[in-house]
N, C-alpha and C. Protein backbone atom coordinates (compact mmCIF):
# COMPACT_ATOMS: atom_id res chain seq x y z
N MET A 1 68.19 142.81 203.92
CA MET A 1 67.28 141.98 202.80
C MET A 1 67.14 142.32 201.63
N LEU A 2 66.74 143.96 201.59
CA LEU A 2 66.57 144.63 200.47
C LEU A 2 67.80 144.73 199.57
N LYS A 3 68.98 144.96 200.43
CA LYS A 3 70.18 144.99 199.59
C LYS A 3 70.42 143.87 198.80
N ASP A 4 70.21 142.60 199.76
CA ASP A 4 70.52 141.26 198.82
C ASP A 4 69.72 141.25 197.81
N SER A 5 68.70 141.47 197.71
CA SER A 5 67.80 141.43 196.67
C SER A 5 67.96 142.08 195.44
N GLY A 6 68.45 143.30 195.77
CA GLY A 6 69.05 144.20 194.73
C GLY A 6 70.17 143.57 194.15
N ARG A 7 71.10 143.30 194.80
CA ARG A 7 72.28 142.76 194.46
C ARG A 7 71.94 141.51 193.65
N GLU A 8 71.11 140.78 194.19
CA GLU A 8 70.67 139.45 193.16
C GLU A 8 70.13 139.91 191.80
N ARG A 9 69.43 140.87 191.91
CA ARG A 9 69.05 141.55 190.57
C ARG A 9 70.11 142.04 189.93
N ILE A 10 70.95 142.79 190.50
CA ILE A 10 71.93 143.37 189.63
C ILE A 10 72.77 142.10 188.97
N ASN A 11 73.18 141.32 189.79
CA ASN A 11 73.73 139.97 189.28
C ASN A 11 73.09 139.34 188.38
N ALA A 12 71.74 139.13 188.47
CA ALA A 12 71.01 138.58 187.37
C ALA A 12 71.06 139.09 186.20
N VAL A 13 70.87 140.67 186.16
CA VAL A 13 70.93 141.20 185.13
C VAL A 13 72.44 141.18 184.41
N TYR A 14 73.46 141.30 185.31
CA TYR A 14 74.91 141.28 184.89
C TYR A 14 75.05 139.66 184.16
N GLY A 15 74.54 138.81 184.74
CA GLY A 15 74.66 137.51 184.36
C GLY A 15 73.93 137.25 182.96
N THR A 16 72.66 137.74 183.01
CA THR A 16 72.05 137.82 181.46
C THR A 16 72.97 138.63 180.47
N LYS A 17 73.35 139.59 181.00
CA LYS A 17 74.07 140.52 180.02
C LYS A 17 75.42 139.76 179.41
N GLU A 18 75.94 139.25 180.36
CA GLU A 18 77.21 138.17 180.00
C GLU A 18 77.05 137.26 179.15
N GLN A 19 75.72 136.69 179.42
CA GLN A 19 75.16 135.39 178.81
C GLN A 19 74.75 135.95 177.28
N CYS A 20 74.25 137.26 177.20
CA CYS A 20 73.83 137.76 175.86
C CYS A 20 75.14 138.00 175.05
N ARG A 21 76.00 138.75 175.68
CA ARG A 21 77.25 139.06 175.01
C ARG A 21 78.16 137.65 174.42
N LYS A 22 78.10 136.76 175.49
CA LYS A 22 78.85 135.67 175.09
C LYS A 22 78.14 134.78 173.83
N GLU A 23 76.71 134.89 173.97
CA GLU A 23 75.97 134.48 172.68
C GLU A 23 76.34 135.25 171.61
N PHE A 24 76.16 136.46 171.66
CA PHE A 24 76.24 137.31 170.38
C PHE A 24 77.81 137.36 169.84
N GLN A 25 78.79 137.05 170.82
CA GLN A 25 80.24 137.02 170.32
C GLN A 25 80.27 135.43 169.82
N ASP A 26 79.76 134.24 170.30
CA ASP A 26 79.48 133.00 169.75
C ASP A 26 78.99 132.95 168.35
N GLU A 27 77.92 133.78 168.02
CA GLU A 27 77.34 134.15 166.67
C GLU A 27 78.22 134.89 165.81
N ILE A 28 78.76 135.90 166.04
CA ILE A 28 79.89 136.61 165.21
C ILE A 28 80.77 135.37 165.03
N THR A 29 81.45 134.87 165.94
CA THR A 29 82.45 133.90 165.60
C THR A 29 81.81 132.68 164.48
N ARG A 30 80.85 132.38 164.69
CA ARG A 30 80.03 131.22 163.99
C ARG A 30 80.06 131.94 162.40
N LEU A 31 79.53 133.27 162.43
CA LEU A 31 79.32 133.89 160.91
C LEU A 31 80.55 134.16 160.31
N ARG A 32 81.63 134.52 161.12
CA ARG A 32 82.91 134.71 160.46
C ARG A 32 83.37 133.49 159.91
N ASN A 33 83.28 132.48 160.79
CA ASN A 33 83.78 131.15 160.28
C ASN A 33 83.48 130.59 158.89
N GLN A 34 81.91 130.71 159.06
CA GLN A 34 81.19 130.39 158.01
C GLN A 34 81.69 131.19 156.57
N PHE A 35 81.71 132.63 156.76
CA PHE A 35 82.09 133.38 155.81
C PHE A 35 83.64 132.96 155.43
N GLN A 36 84.35 132.94 156.11
CA GLN A 36 85.77 132.56 155.78
C GLN A 36 85.66 131.19 154.92
N SER A 37 84.76 130.06 155.51
CA SER A 37 84.66 128.88 154.67
C SER A 37 84.22 129.10 153.47
N GLU A 38 82.99 129.82 153.21
CA GLU A 38 82.44 130.39 151.91
C GLU A 38 83.62 130.99 151.11
N LYS A 39 84.42 131.86 151.37
CA LYS A 39 85.21 132.59 150.95
C LYS A 39 86.43 131.76 150.55
N ASN A 40 86.88 130.91 151.17
CA ASN A 40 87.90 129.73 150.78
C ASN A 40 87.31 128.76 149.77
N ALA A 41 86.10 128.44 149.82
CA ALA A 41 85.54 127.87 148.80
C ALA A 41 85.35 128.29 147.58
N GLU A 42 84.86 129.59 147.43
CA GLU A 42 84.91 130.32 146.33
C GLU A 42 86.23 130.62 145.69
N LEU A 43 87.11 130.91 146.75
CA LEU A 43 88.51 131.07 146.01
C LEU A 43 89.14 129.97 145.42
N ALA A 44 88.96 128.76 145.98
CA ALA A 44 89.33 127.22 145.37
C ALA A 44 88.44 127.22 143.98
N ARG A 45 87.42 127.47 143.98
CA ARG A 45 86.64 127.26 142.60
C ARG A 45 87.32 128.19 141.65
N ILE A 46 87.44 129.47 142.04
CA ILE A 46 88.05 130.30 141.07
C ILE A 46 89.38 129.99 140.57
N GLN A 47 90.16 129.52 141.71
CA GLN A 47 91.58 128.94 141.23
C GLN A 47 91.48 127.66 140.38
N GLU A 48 90.60 126.98 140.57
CA GLU A 48 90.30 125.66 139.84
C GLU A 48 89.95 126.16 138.27
N ARG A 49 88.99 127.20 138.20
CA ARG A 49 88.66 127.76 136.92
C ARG A 49 90.02 128.58 136.39
N ILE A 50 90.78 129.04 136.96
CA ILE A 50 91.81 129.64 136.23
C ILE A 50 92.70 128.52 135.77
N HIS A 51 92.83 127.48 136.78
CA HIS A 51 93.73 126.30 136.21
C HIS A 51 93.23 125.74 134.82
N GLU A 52 91.82 125.70 134.80
CA GLU A 52 91.06 125.18 133.73
C GLU A 52 91.42 126.16 132.35
N LEU A 53 91.29 127.32 132.56
CA LEU A 53 91.45 128.46 131.69
C LEU A 53 93.08 128.44 131.17
N GLU A 54 94.05 128.23 132.10
CA GLU A 54 95.33 128.21 131.76
C GLU A 54 95.73 126.99 130.77
N ASP A 55 94.95 125.60 131.25
CA ASP A 55 94.91 124.72 130.46
C ASP A 55 94.52 124.87 129.01
N ALA A 56 93.42 125.52 128.82
CA ALA A 56 92.88 125.87 127.96
C ALA A 56 93.65 126.69 127.06
N LEU A 57 94.36 127.64 127.66
CA LEU A 57 95.10 128.57 127.07
C LEU A 57 96.41 127.99 126.34
N ASP A 58 97.10 127.10 127.14
CA ASP A 58 98.00 126.25 126.64
C ASP A 58 97.71 125.40 125.37
N HIS A 59 96.62 124.68 125.42
CA HIS A 59 95.95 124.18 124.60
C HIS A 59 95.94 124.92 123.21
N VAL A 60 95.25 125.99 123.46
CA VAL A 60 94.95 126.95 122.26
C VAL A 60 96.40 127.43 121.57
N SER A 61 97.34 127.86 122.60
CA SER A 61 98.52 128.38 122.10
C SER A 61 99.39 127.37 121.42
N THR A 62 99.51 126.11 121.76
CA THR A 62 100.04 124.90 120.98
C THR A 62 99.32 124.95 119.69
N LYS A 63 97.84 124.71 119.46
CA LYS A 63 96.89 124.64 118.51
C LYS A 63 97.50 126.01 117.50
N ASN A 64 97.59 127.00 118.17
CA ASN A 64 97.87 128.46 117.28
C ASN A 64 99.08 128.13 116.69
N ALA A 65 100.27 127.62 117.45
CA ALA A 65 101.67 127.45 116.83
C ALA A 65 101.49 126.63 115.68
N ASP A 66 100.75 125.54 115.86
CA ASP A 66 101.03 124.27 115.11
C ASP A 66 100.02 124.85 113.91
N ILE A 67 99.14 125.74 114.13
CA ILE A 67 98.33 126.21 112.80
C ILE A 67 99.36 127.27 111.98
N THR A 68 99.94 127.94 112.75
CA THR A 68 100.87 129.20 112.24
C THR A 68 101.94 128.34 111.34
N LEU A 69 102.36 127.26 112.18
CA LEU A 69 103.41 126.51 111.22
C LEU A 69 102.84 125.95 109.91
N ARG A 70 101.55 125.22 110.06
CA ARG A 70 100.97 124.76 109.02
C ARG A 70 100.73 125.88 107.95
N GLN A 71 99.99 126.85 108.51
CA GLN A 71 99.92 127.87 107.53
C GLN A 71 101.18 128.46 106.82
N HIS A 72 102.21 128.46 107.45
CA HIS A 72 103.54 128.76 106.63
C HIS A 72 103.82 127.72 105.62
N GLU A 73 103.97 126.47 106.01
CA GLU A 73 103.98 125.45 104.98
C GLU A 73 103.16 125.74 104.21
N LEU A 74 101.79 125.98 104.05
CA LEU A 74 100.72 125.93 102.82
C LEU A 74 101.29 127.03 102.07
N PHE A 75 101.55 128.14 102.79
CA PHE A 75 102.02 129.32 101.82
C PHE A 75 103.30 129.10 101.10
N LEU A 76 104.30 128.51 101.71
CA LEU A 76 105.39 127.60 100.78
C LEU A 76 104.85 126.85 99.56
N ASN A 77 104.02 125.82 100.12
CA ASN A 77 103.41 125.14 99.25
C ASN A 77 102.85 125.63 97.86
N LEU A 78 102.00 126.54 98.21
CA LEU A 78 101.25 127.46 97.17
C LEU A 78 102.17 128.09 96.37
N GLU A 79 103.20 128.58 96.94
CA GLU A 79 104.08 129.40 96.30
C GLU A 79 104.82 128.61 95.25
N THR A 80 105.35 127.43 95.67
CA THR A 80 105.96 126.34 95.15
C THR A 80 105.00 125.79 93.79
N SER A 81 103.75 125.81 94.14
CA SER A 81 102.82 125.23 93.23
C SER A 81 102.51 126.34 92.03
N GLU A 82 102.62 127.42 92.51
CA GLU A 82 102.33 128.62 91.56
C GLU A 82 103.48 128.72 90.56
N LYS A 83 104.74 128.72 91.27
CA LYS A 83 105.90 128.80 90.23
C LYS A 83 106.02 127.78 89.42
N THR A 84 105.75 126.20 89.85
CA THR A 84 105.63 124.96 89.12
C THR A 84 104.56 125.12 87.95
N CYS A 85 103.38 125.56 88.24
CA CYS A 85 102.40 125.77 87.58
C CYS A 85 102.72 126.78 86.20
N VAL A 86 103.27 127.79 86.88
CA VAL A 86 103.57 128.95 85.79
C VAL A 86 104.55 128.57 84.88
N ARG A 87 105.70 127.69 85.57
CA ARG A 87 106.82 127.25 84.78
C ARG A 87 106.11 126.08 83.65
N SER A 88 105.25 125.27 84.17
CA SER A 88 104.64 124.28 83.14
C SER A 88 103.79 125.01 82.01
N LEU A 89 103.09 125.89 82.62
CA LEU A 89 102.18 126.44 81.55
C LEU A 89 102.91 127.39 80.61
N ASN A 90 103.99 128.08 81.04
CA ASN A 90 104.84 128.80 80.15
C ASN A 90 105.35 127.73 78.79
N ASP A 91 106.00 126.61 79.51
CA ASP A 91 106.30 125.75 78.42
C ASP A 91 105.20 125.16 77.43
N CYS A 92 103.94 125.04 77.85
CA CYS A 92 102.98 124.84 77.13
C CYS A 92 102.67 125.84 75.86
N ILE A 93 102.44 127.14 76.62
CA ILE A 93 102.28 128.33 75.63
C ILE A 93 103.66 128.25 74.58
N LYS A 94 104.69 128.09 75.14
CA LYS A 94 105.72 128.24 74.09
C LYS A 94 105.43 126.86 72.97
N LYS A 95 105.05 125.73 73.55
CA LYS A 95 104.74 124.77 72.27
C LYS A 95 103.51 125.23 71.56
N LEU A 96 102.53 125.90 72.11
CA LEU A 96 101.50 126.27 71.29
C LEU A 96 101.74 127.32 70.26
N LEU A 97 102.81 128.29 70.81
CA LEU A 97 103.28 129.28 69.80
C LEU A 97 104.01 128.47 68.76
N ILE A 98 104.62 127.30 68.86
CA ILE A 98 105.46 126.69 68.04
C ILE A 98 104.33 126.25 67.06
N ALA A 99 103.43 125.63 67.65
CA ALA A 99 102.48 124.83 66.91
C ALA A 99 101.65 125.75 66.03
N MET A 100 101.65 126.97 66.24
CA MET A 100 100.64 127.88 65.46
C MET A 100 101.09 127.79 63.97
N ASP A 101 102.28 127.48 63.66
CA ASP A 101 102.79 127.44 62.34
C ASP A 101 102.47 125.86 61.57
N SER A 102 101.88 125.07 62.42
CA SER A 102 101.75 123.92 61.81
C SER A 102 100.29 123.84 61.21
N PRO A 103 100.06 122.74 60.65
CA PRO A 103 98.65 122.75 60.04
C PRO A 103 97.40 122.66 61.22
N SER A 104 96.34 122.79 60.74
CA SER A 104 95.33 123.04 61.96
C SER A 104 94.89 121.74 62.73
N HIS A 105 95.33 120.65 62.07
CA HIS A 105 95.13 119.42 62.92
C HIS A 105 96.01 119.30 64.19
N VAL A 106 97.00 119.89 64.05
CA VAL A 106 98.10 119.84 65.19
C VAL A 106 97.36 120.72 66.54
N TYR A 107 96.59 121.48 66.22
CA TYR A 107 95.80 122.16 67.52
C TYR A 107 95.24 121.32 68.08
N THR A 108 94.57 120.48 67.58
CA THR A 108 93.72 119.43 68.28
C THR A 108 94.37 118.43 69.44
N LYS A 109 95.68 118.45 68.92
CA LYS A 109 96.50 117.47 69.75
C LYS A 109 97.06 118.08 71.00
N ILE A 110 97.10 119.44 71.04
CA ILE A 110 97.55 120.02 72.23
C ILE A 110 96.78 119.76 73.47
N SER A 111 97.27 119.52 74.70
CA SER A 111 96.57 119.00 75.83
C SER A 111 96.00 120.63 76.15
N HIS A 112 94.85 120.52 76.95
CA HIS A 112 94.14 121.50 77.40
C HIS A 112 95.21 122.22 78.52
N MET A 113 95.44 123.63 78.33
CA MET A 113 96.30 124.20 79.43
C MET A 113 95.57 124.99 80.20
N THR A 114 95.88 125.15 81.53
CA THR A 114 95.19 125.67 82.31
C THR A 114 95.40 127.08 82.90
N SER A 115 96.80 127.60 82.71
CA SER A 115 96.79 129.22 83.23
C SER A 115 98.12 129.76 82.76
N LEU A 116 98.18 130.95 82.38
CA LEU A 116 99.36 131.84 82.09
C LEU A 116 99.01 133.00 81.31
N THR A 117 99.18 133.90 81.55
CA THR A 117 99.03 135.24 81.06
C THR A 117 99.86 135.36 79.51
N TYR A 118 99.56 135.90 78.73
CA TYR A 118 100.18 135.87 77.41
C TYR A 118 99.95 137.40 76.91
N ASP A 119 100.78 137.60 75.89
CA ASP A 119 100.63 139.04 74.99
C ASP A 119 99.59 138.89 73.91
N ARG A 120 98.49 139.42 74.07
CA ARG A 120 97.50 139.42 73.13
C ARG A 120 97.68 139.70 71.80
N GLU A 121 98.67 140.82 71.75
CA GLU A 121 98.96 141.35 70.46
C GLU A 121 99.70 140.01 69.41
N SER A 122 100.38 139.13 70.28
CA SER A 122 101.22 138.20 69.48
C SER A 122 100.28 136.88 69.16
N ILE A 123 98.78 137.12 69.46
CA ILE A 123 98.11 135.99 68.98
C ILE A 123 98.01 136.04 67.41
N VAL A 124 98.06 134.64 66.73
CA VAL A 124 98.00 134.80 65.46
C VAL A 124 96.30 134.73 65.29
N GLU A 125 96.02 135.43 64.36
CA GLU A 125 94.50 135.14 64.00
C GLU A 125 93.65 134.01 63.35
N ARG A 126 94.28 133.19 63.42
CA ARG A 126 93.65 131.75 63.12
C ARG A 126 92.80 131.40 64.38
N LEU A 127 91.49 130.98 64.13
CA LEU A 127 90.37 130.53 64.95
C LEU A 127 90.98 129.63 66.01
N PRO A 128 91.34 128.41 65.68
CA PRO A 128 91.78 127.33 66.68
C PRO A 128 92.87 128.14 67.73
N THR A 129 93.85 128.78 67.37
CA THR A 129 94.63 129.26 68.12
C THR A 129 94.19 130.34 69.20
N ARG A 130 93.16 131.27 68.67
CA ARG A 130 92.65 132.12 69.37
C ARG A 130 91.89 131.56 70.34
N ASN A 131 91.09 130.49 70.07
CA ASN A 131 90.25 129.75 70.90
C ASN A 131 90.89 129.19 72.21
N ALA A 132 92.08 128.59 71.86
CA ALA A 132 93.05 127.92 72.85
C ALA A 132 93.51 128.93 73.86
N LEU A 133 93.97 130.15 73.34
CA LEU A 133 94.42 131.14 74.19
C LEU A 133 93.30 131.64 74.74
N LYS A 134 92.17 131.84 74.21
CA LYS A 134 91.20 132.45 75.12
C LYS A 134 90.81 131.44 76.27
N SER A 135 90.55 130.31 75.83
CA SER A 135 90.57 129.45 76.94
C SER A 135 91.43 129.24 77.95
N LEU A 136 92.85 129.57 77.71
CA LEU A 136 93.83 129.61 78.73
C LEU A 136 93.83 130.80 79.42
N GLN A 137 93.32 132.27 78.94
CA GLN A 137 93.20 133.48 79.68
C GLN A 137 91.96 132.98 80.64
N ASP A 138 90.75 132.48 80.25
CA ASP A 138 89.88 132.28 81.22
C ASP A 138 90.26 131.43 82.43
N THR A 139 91.02 130.28 82.09
CA THR A 139 91.60 129.50 83.34
C THR A 139 92.61 130.35 84.04
N VAL A 140 93.31 131.22 83.46
CA VAL A 140 94.14 132.15 84.48
C VAL A 140 93.36 132.95 85.04
N ASP A 141 92.52 133.53 84.78
CA ASP A 141 91.40 134.11 85.66
C ASP A 141 91.00 133.49 86.78
N ASP A 142 90.36 132.30 86.29
CA ASP A 142 89.64 131.36 87.28
C ASP A 142 90.67 131.04 88.70
N ILE A 143 91.86 130.85 88.11
CA ILE A 143 92.88 130.54 89.10
C ILE A 143 93.23 131.56 90.02
N LYS A 144 93.55 133.01 89.30
CA LYS A 144 93.73 134.17 90.04
C LYS A 144 92.47 134.41 91.11
N ASN A 145 91.26 134.18 90.66
CA ASN A 145 90.10 134.12 91.56
C ASN A 145 90.31 133.21 92.89
N TYR A 146 90.56 131.97 92.31
CA TYR A 146 90.63 130.93 93.33
C TYR A 146 91.70 131.21 94.37
N ILE A 147 92.98 131.79 93.94
CA ILE A 147 93.98 132.28 94.89
C ILE A 147 93.59 133.37 95.76
N ILE A 148 92.72 134.24 95.41
CA ILE A 148 92.41 135.56 96.08
C ILE A 148 91.45 134.69 97.23
N GLU A 149 90.65 133.91 96.56
CA GLU A 149 89.55 133.39 97.65
C GLU A 149 90.39 132.59 98.69
N GLN A 150 91.49 131.88 98.39
CA GLN A 150 92.18 131.11 99.40
C GLN A 150 92.87 132.00 100.23
N LYS A 151 93.51 132.96 99.83
CA LYS A 151 94.18 134.16 100.53
C LYS A 151 93.11 134.62 101.66
N LEU A 152 92.08 135.07 101.07
CA LEU A 152 90.74 135.61 102.14
C LEU A 152 90.70 134.81 103.30
N GLN A 153 90.43 133.51 102.89
CA GLN A 153 90.16 132.20 104.02
C GLN A 153 91.19 132.25 104.84
N ILE A 154 92.61 132.45 104.40
CA ILE A 154 93.71 132.09 105.53
C ILE A 154 93.70 133.49 106.14
N GLU A 155 93.57 134.61 105.58
CA GLU A 155 93.27 135.87 106.63
C GLU A 155 92.41 135.81 107.38
N GLY A 156 91.14 135.22 107.07
CA GLY A 156 90.10 134.81 108.15
C GLY A 156 90.60 134.10 109.14
N LYS A 157 91.20 133.04 108.84
CA LYS A 157 91.57 132.16 109.99
C LYS A 157 92.76 132.88 111.06
N THR A 158 93.51 133.77 110.29
CA THR A 158 94.68 134.51 110.89
C THR A 158 93.79 135.54 112.02
N LYS A 159 92.72 136.11 111.43
CA LYS A 159 91.95 137.00 112.41
C LYS A 159 91.50 136.35 113.75
N LEU A 160 91.01 135.03 113.37
CA LEU A 160 90.50 134.19 114.52
C LEU A 160 91.39 133.71 115.43
N LEU A 161 92.66 133.35 114.98
CA LEU A 161 93.99 133.29 115.74
C LEU A 161 94.22 134.37 116.68
N ASN A 162 94.05 135.64 115.99
CA ASN A 162 94.53 136.70 116.85
C ASN A 162 93.54 137.07 117.75
N LYS A 163 92.20 136.77 117.36
CA LYS A 163 91.40 136.95 118.70
C LYS A 163 91.39 135.98 119.74
N SER A 164 91.85 134.84 119.47
CA SER A 164 92.35 133.86 120.62
C SER A 164 93.57 134.57 121.34
N LYS A 165 94.40 135.19 120.83
CA LYS A 165 95.72 135.87 121.42
C LYS A 165 95.02 136.92 122.51
N ILE A 166 94.02 137.56 122.10
CA ILE A 166 93.34 138.66 122.74
C ILE A 166 92.78 138.19 123.77
N LEU A 167 91.82 136.86 123.89
CA LEU A 167 91.30 135.96 124.92
C LEU A 167 92.39 135.62 125.93
N THR A 168 93.61 135.19 125.31
CA THR A 168 94.84 134.83 126.27
C THR A 168 95.02 136.13 127.19
N ASP A 169 95.46 137.18 126.58
CA ASP A 169 95.73 138.44 127.21
C ASP A 169 94.79 138.72 128.44
N ARG A 170 93.36 138.48 127.94
CA ARG A 170 92.40 138.97 129.08
C ARG A 170 92.74 137.96 130.15
N VAL A 171 92.69 136.64 129.86
CA VAL A 171 93.04 135.45 131.08
C VAL A 171 94.10 135.74 131.94
N ASN A 172 95.11 136.24 131.25
CA ASN A 172 96.25 136.66 132.00
C ASN A 172 96.24 137.87 133.04
N ASP A 173 95.17 138.78 132.60
CA ASP A 173 94.83 139.91 133.24
C ASP A 173 93.93 139.41 134.33
N LEU A 174 93.16 138.75 134.07
CA LEU A 174 92.23 138.31 135.13
C LEU A 174 92.97 137.29 136.34
N GLU A 175 94.14 136.59 135.82
CA GLU A 175 94.72 135.87 136.86
C GLU A 175 95.47 137.01 137.81
N PHE A 176 95.90 137.97 137.22
CA PHE A 176 96.54 138.96 137.91
C PHE A 176 95.79 139.65 138.90
N PHE A 177 94.60 139.79 138.51
CA PHE A 177 93.53 140.54 139.20
C PHE A 177 93.49 139.65 140.38
N TYR A 178 92.85 138.47 140.40
CA TYR A 178 92.89 137.63 141.54
C TYR A 178 93.87 137.09 142.62
N CYS A 179 95.23 137.38 142.18
CA CYS A 179 96.17 137.05 142.82
C CYS A 179 96.35 138.16 143.94
């Protein structure tokens, strides 16, 4: 009888141990599944974010290409406009120099000129001519300052585009890291 009672206790302890081991194993499995599920959800979220960043990068790259093309067009237009302006003003200066030998009422008929450098030594000392040429030089200086300002603005935009390229490189590095 004592033996049976001892065996029952041993079997009860063993049964309890097996039940605890099974519950422990079930809890580990549940936690593992929960962790895997959370990990998969986080991975899906990261992949979605990577996809969004890739789309944004494609959009920025397209805009960057468009802006670069537009910038090139603007530089060509600026250069063409500068050359046209210089040619026109050179013609105006030639007309002015020819008119310098005319009576003073001719000076007032000359249209206002906007820019072109000139040889100051060739200025005739008659006041209307000097005033016209002084005004011309002031306008030339204004245009030079404007062109410098425009070039600085374009350089600023170029630096911004370079920063977007750096961001693109960083996104590519992140994509490589998570893959």
